[in-house]
Amino acid sequence: MEKEKNDIVIDENNKHFNYRAAGILQIENSFLFKQSVDELADLEIIGGKVKFHESAYHAVIREFKEELGINIKVEKLFKVMDHEVKTANESWQQIIVIFKVSSSDLNVSKIPKEFSLHKKDELKHLNIQPNVFKNANSKIYMRDNFL
């Protein structure tokens, strides 16, 4: 989780906070995810850190453009999540604003190898960070990994 210029991040010793935006892109009965680069998960929801003077709405549009080279339309707010990630030496707390998004730019046959489609009925069983599908309900706000 590298910090870039103007990311909304607080670092104190081995504790970190960041503000993120992500998008759920559904294609027919499947959802698009990115392969995770860390050992905590197999898949990640597509998105990234919100920058100072940027809204979560604009951040998710920017992230899809950077990661997949596609334009998206933000359809609606899906979830706001308090998400906590811990390793043996560090912990991260994140506020993640997750939107349902759509795109007419995505050519399914040209999805880069680090991305994959997964059917709706298998989502609660996959190791996704954050897994907003595991205990899915109609509430907009959710939290995980907190006692």
C-alpha atoms as a PDB file:
ATOM      1  CA  MET A   1       0.000   0.000   0.000  1.00  0.00           C
ATOM      2  CA  GLU A   2       2.367   2.651  -1.232  1.00  0.00           C
ATOM      3  CA  LYS A   3       1.625   6.299  -0.681  1.00  0.00           C
ATOM      4  CA  GLU A   4       1.594   8.666  -3.642  1.00  0.00           C
ATOM      5  CA  LYS A   5       1.701  12.447  -3.620  1.00  0.00           C
ATOM      6  CA  ASN A   6      -1.497  14.023  -2.214  1.00  0.00           C
ATOM      7  CA  ASP A   7      -3.024  10.718  -1.020  1.00  0.00           C
ATOM      8  CA  ILE A   8      -5.176  11.129   2.083  1.00  0.00           C
ATOM      9  CA  VAL A   9      -3.042   9.007   4.402  1.00  0.00           C
ATOM     10  CA  ILE A  10      -1.929   9.243   8.026  1.00  0.00           C
ATOM     11  CA  ASP A  11       1.121   7.206   9.062  1.00  0.00           C
ATOM     12  CA  GLU A  12       2.165   6.869  12.684  1.00  0.00           C
ATOM     13  CA  ASN A  13       4.745   4.221  13.539  1.00  0.00           C
ATOM     14  CA  ASN A  14       3.238   0.966  12.261  1.00  0.00           C
ATOM     15  CA  LYS A  15      -0.329   2.272  12.168  1.00  0.00           C
ATOM     16  CA  HIS A  16      -1.835   3.739   9.031  1.00  0.00           C
ATOM     17  CA  PHE A  17      -5.131   5.331   8.007  1.00  0.00           C
ATOM     18  CA  ASN A  18      -6.312   6.030   4.491  1.00  0.00           C
ATOM     19  CA  TYR A  19      -9.407   7.122   2.618  1.00  0.00           C
ATOM     20  CA  ARG A  20     -10.226   4.990  -0.424  1.00  0.00           C
ATOM     21  CA  ALA A  21     -12.737   4.823  -3.253  1.00  0.00           C
ATOM     22  CA  ALA A  22     -13.605   1.651  -5.137  1.00  0.00           C
ATOM     23  CA  GLY A  23     -15.998   0.410  -7.771  1.00  0.00           C
ATOM     24  CA  ILE A  24     -18.033  -2.736  -8.311  1.00  0.00           C
ATOM     25  CA  LEU A  25     -18.303  -3.368 -12.051  1.00  0.00           C
ATOM     26  CA  GLN A  26     -20.891  -6.001 -12.939  1.00  0.00           C
ATOM     27  CA  ILE A  27     -20.841  -7.635 -16.364  1.00  0.00           C
ATOM     28  CA  GLU A  28     -23.953  -9.783 -16.795  1.00  0.00           C
ATOM     29  CA  ASN A  29     -23.898 -12.154 -13.775  1.00  0.00           C
ATOM     30  CA  SER A  30     -20.175 -11.631 -12.995  1.00  0.00           C
ATOM     31  CA  PHE A  31     -18.091  -8.999 -11.227  1.00  0.00           C
ATOM     32  CA  LEU A  32     -14.641  -7.711 -12.157  1.00  0.00           C
ATOM     33  CA  PHE A  33     -11.815  -7.868  -9.592  1.00  0.00           C
ATOM     34  CA  LYS A  34      -8.085  -7.248  -9.530  1.00  0.00           C
ATOM     35  CA  GLN A  35      -5.657  -9.980  -8.460  1.00  0.00           C
ATOM     36  CA  SER A  36      -4.207  -9.012  -5.087  1.00  0.00           C
ATOM     37  CA  VAL A  37      -0.500  -8.256  -4.784  1.00  0.00           C
ATOM     38  CA  ASP A  38      -0.302  -9.065  -1.070  1.00  0.00           C
ATOM     39  CA  GLU A  39      -0.754 -12.200   1.010  1.00  0.00           C
ATOM     40  CA  LEU A  40      -3.922 -10.977   2.738  1.00  0.00           C
ATOM     41  CA  ALA A  41      -6.295 -11.693  -0.158  1.00  0.00           C
ATOM     42  CA  ASP A  42      -6.603 -13.317  -3.558  1.00  0.00           C
ATOM     43  CA  LEU A  43      -8.732 -10.539  -5.078  1.00  0.00           C
ATOM     44  CA  GLU A  44      -9.270  -6.815  -4.529  1.00  0.00           C
ATOM     45  CA  ILE A  45     -12.101  -4.485  -5.371  1.00  0.00           C
ATOM     46  CA  ILE A  46     -10.833  -2.066  -8.029  1.00  0.00           C
ATOM     47  CA  GLY A  47      -9.985   1.342  -6.588  1.00  0.00           C
ATOM     48  CA  GLY A  48      -7.420   3.291  -4.641  1.00  0.00           C
ATOM     49  CA  LYS A  49      -6.684   6.170  -2.318  1.00  0.00           C
ATOM     50  CA  VAL A  50      -8.575   9.431  -2.558  1.00  0.00           C
ATOM     51  CA  LYS A  51      -6.322  12.454  -2.978  1.00  0.00           C
ATOM     52  CA  PHE A  52      -6.604  15.817  -1.214  1.00  0.00           C
ATOM     53  CA  HIS A  53      -9.104  18.088  -3.034  1.00  0.00           C
ATOM     54  CA  GLU A  54     -10.665  15.060  -4.791  1.00  0.00           C
ATOM     55  CA  SER A  55     -14.029  13.445  -4.083  1.00  0.00           C
ATOM     56  CA  ALA A  56     -14.495   9.681  -3.742  1.00  0.00           C
ATOM     57  CA  TYR A  57     -16.702   9.917  -6.839  1.00  0.00           C
ATOM     58  CA  HIS A  58     -13.886  11.404  -8.938  1.00  0.00           C
ATOM     59  CA  ALA A  59     -11.260   9.110  -7.373  1.00  0.00           C
ATOM     60  CA  VAL A  60     -13.053   5.939  -8.521  1.00  0.00           C
ATOM     61  CA  ILE A  61     -13.354   7.333 -12.060  1.00  0.00           C
ATOM     62  CA  ARG A  62      -9.604   8.132 -12.020  1.00  0.00           C
ATOM     63  CA  GLU A  63      -8.676   4.701 -10.638  1.00  0.00           C
ATOM     64  CA  PHE A  64     -10.553   2.775 -13.361  1.00  0.00           C
ATOM     65  CA  LYS A  65      -8.918   4.980 -16.008  1.00  0.00           C
ATOM     66  CA  GLU A  66      -5.441   4.382 -14.502  1.00  0.00           C
ATOM     67  CA  GLU A  67      -5.867   0.636 -13.916  1.00  0.00           C
ATOM     68  CA  LEU A  68      -7.916  -0.480 -16.929  1.00  0.00           C
ATOM     69  CA  GLY A  69      -7.768   2.473 -19.312  1.00  0.00           C
ATOM     70  CA  ILE A  70     -11.571   2.671 -19.388  1.00  0.00           C
ATOM     71  CA  ASN A  71     -14.143   5.333 -18.693  1.00  0.00           C
ATOM     72  CA  ILE A  72     -16.825   4.418 -16.185  1.00  0.00           C
ATOM     73  CA  LYS A  73     -20.144   5.833 -15.128  1.00  0.00           C
ATOM     74  CA  VAL A  74     -20.812   5.954 -11.387  1.00  0.00           C
ATOM     75  CA  GLU A  75     -24.301   4.494 -11.009  1.00  0.00           C
ATOM     76  CA  LYS A  76     -24.930   4.686  -7.257  1.00  0.00           C
ATOM     77  CA  LEU A  77     -23.397   4.370  -3.824  1.00  0.00           C
ATOM     78  CA  PHE A  78     -23.065   0.686  -2.901  1.00  0.00           C
ATOM     79  CA  LYS A  79     -21.377   0.678   0.555  1.00  0.00           C
ATOM     80  CA  VAL A  80     -19.341   2.789   2.927  1.00  0.00           C
ATOM     81  CA  MET A  81     -17.025   0.515   4.850  1.00  0.00           C
ATOM     82  CA  ASP A  82     -14.847   0.790   7.926  1.00  0.00           C
ATOM     83  CA  HIS A  83     -12.185  -1.721   6.992  1.00  0.00           C
ATOM     84  CA  GLU A  84      -9.259  -2.843   9.109  1.00  0.00           C
ATOM     85  CA  VAL A  85      -6.287  -4.858   7.893  1.00  0.00           C
ATOM     86  CA  LYS A  86      -3.640  -6.244  10.259  1.00  0.00           C
ATOM     87  CA  THR A  87      -0.369  -8.042   9.717  1.00  0.00           C
ATOM     88  CA  ALA A  88       2.092  -9.191  12.360  1.00  0.00           C
ATOM     89  CA  ASN A  89       3.868  -5.802  12.299  1.00  0.00           C
ATOM     90  CA  GLU A  90       1.406  -3.234  10.955  1.00  0.00           C
ATOM     91  CA  SER A  91      -2.237  -2.258  10.864  1.00  0.00           C
ATOM     92  CA  TRP A  92      -4.293  -0.155   8.463  1.00  0.00           C
ATOM     93  CA  GLN A  93      -7.681   1.369   9.042  1.00  0.00           C
ATOM     94  CA  GLN A  94      -9.539   2.531   5.978  1.00  0.00           C
ATOM     95  CA  ILE A  95     -12.752   4.270   5.146  1.00  0.00           C
ATOM     96  CA  ILE A  96     -13.775   2.959   1.724  1.00  0.00           C
ATOM     97  CA  VAL A  97     -16.555   4.477  -0.346  1.00  0.00           C
ATOM     98  CA  ILE A  98     -17.703   1.783  -2.786  1.00  0.00           C
ATOM     99  CA  PHE A  99     -19.831   2.577  -5.828  1.00  0.00           C
ATOM    100  CA  LYS A 100     -21.663   0.449  -8.365  1.00  0.00           C
ATOM    101  CA  VAL A 101     -20.200   1.469 -11.708  1.00  0.00           C
ATOM    102  CA  SER A 102     -20.782   0.632 -15.364  1.00  0.00           C
ATOM    103  CA  SER A 103     -18.751   0.964 -18.535  1.00  0.00           C
ATOM    104  CA  SER A 104     -19.393   0.613 -22.226  1.00  0.00           C
ATOM    105  CA  ASP A 105     -15.623   0.895 -22.855  1.00  0.00           C
ATOM    106  CA  LEU A 106     -14.663  -2.517 -21.450  1.00  0.00           C
ATOM    107  CA  ASN A 107     -13.940  -5.229 -24.009  1.00  0.00           C
ATOM    108  CA  VAL A 108     -14.288  -8.471 -22.014  1.00  0.00           C
ATOM    109  CA  SER A 109     -11.966 -10.351 -24.385  1.00  0.00           C
ATOM    110  CA  LYS A 110      -9.198  -7.802 -23.676  1.00  0.00           C
ATOM    111  CA  ILE A 111      -9.310  -7.751 -19.858  1.00  0.00           C
ATOM    112  CA  PRO A 112      -5.683  -7.635 -18.620  1.00  0.00           C
ATOM    113  CA  LYS A 113      -4.421 -10.837 -16.948  1.00  0.00           C
ATOM    114  CA  GLU A 114      -4.264  -9.216 -13.485  1.00  0.00           C
ATOM    115  CA  PHE A 115      -8.066  -8.823 -13.547  1.00  0.00           C
ATOM    116  CA  SER A 116     -10.709 -11.556 -13.470  1.00  0.00           C
ATOM    117  CA  LEU A 117     -14.467 -12.037 -13.618  1.00  0.00           C
ATOM    118  CA  HIS A 118     -16.275 -14.004 -10.907  1.00  0.00           C
ATOM    119  CA  LYS A 119     -19.902 -15.101 -10.767  1.00  0.00           C
ATOM    120  CA  LYS A 120     -22.208 -13.556  -8.170  1.00  0.00           C
ATOM    121  CA  ASP A 121     -22.941 -16.868  -6.390  1.00  0.00           C
ATOM    122  CA  GLU A 122     -19.253 -17.512  -5.592  1.00  0.00           C
ATOM    123  CA  LEU A 123     -18.381 -14.070  -4.166  1.00  0.00           C
ATOM    124  CA  LYS A 124     -19.062 -14.785  -0.484  1.00  0.00           C
ATOM    125  CA  HIS A 125     -16.631 -17.735  -0.634  1.00  0.00           C
ATOM    126  CA  LEU A 126     -13.721 -15.898  -2.270  1.00  0.00           C
ATOM    127  CA  ASN A 127     -10.872 -14.212  -0.401  1.00  0.00           C
ATOM    128  CA  ILE A 128     -11.664 -10.632  -1.437  1.00  0.00           C
ATOM    129  CA  GLN A 129     -10.371  -7.517   0.364  1.00  0.00           C
ATOM    130  CA  PRO A 130     -12.576  -5.917   1.449  1.00  0.00           C
ATOM    131  CA  ASN A 131     -15.263  -8.564   1.086  1.00  0.00           C
ATOM    132  CA  VAL A 132     -18.457  -6.537   0.951  1.00  0.00           C
ATOM    133  CA  PHE A 133     -20.245  -9.649  -0.320  1.00  0.00           C
ATOM    134  CA  LYS A 134     -19.503 -11.971   2.610  1.00  0.00           C
ATOM    135  CA  ASN A 135     -22.137 -10.576   4.952  1.00  0.00           C
ATOM    136  CA  ALA A 136     -24.036  -8.701   2.284  1.00  0.00           C
ATOM    137  CA  ASN A 137     -27.156  -6.889   3.347  1.00  0.00           C
ATOM    138  CA  SER A 138     -29.046  -3.829   2.245  1.00  0.00           C
ATOM    139  CA  LYS A 139     -27.320  -1.490   4.713  1.00  0.00           C
ATOM    140  CA  ILE A 140     -25.124   1.171   3.136  1.00  0.00           C
ATOM    141  CA  TYR A 141     -22.660   1.238   6.055  1.00  0.00           C
ATOM    142  CA  MET A 142     -20.706  -1.817   7.149  1.00  0.00           C
ATOM    143  CA  ARG A 143     -17.582  -2.598   9.117  1.00  0.00           C
ATOM    144  CA  ASP A 144     -15.304  -5.578   9.358  1.00  0.00           C
ATOM    145  CA  ASN A 145     -12.457  -6.886  11.507  1.00  0.00           C
ATOM    146  CA  PHE A 146     -13.469  -4.747  14.503  1.00  0.00           C
ATOM    147  CA  LEU A 147     -14.244  -6.215  17.894  1.00  0.00           C
END
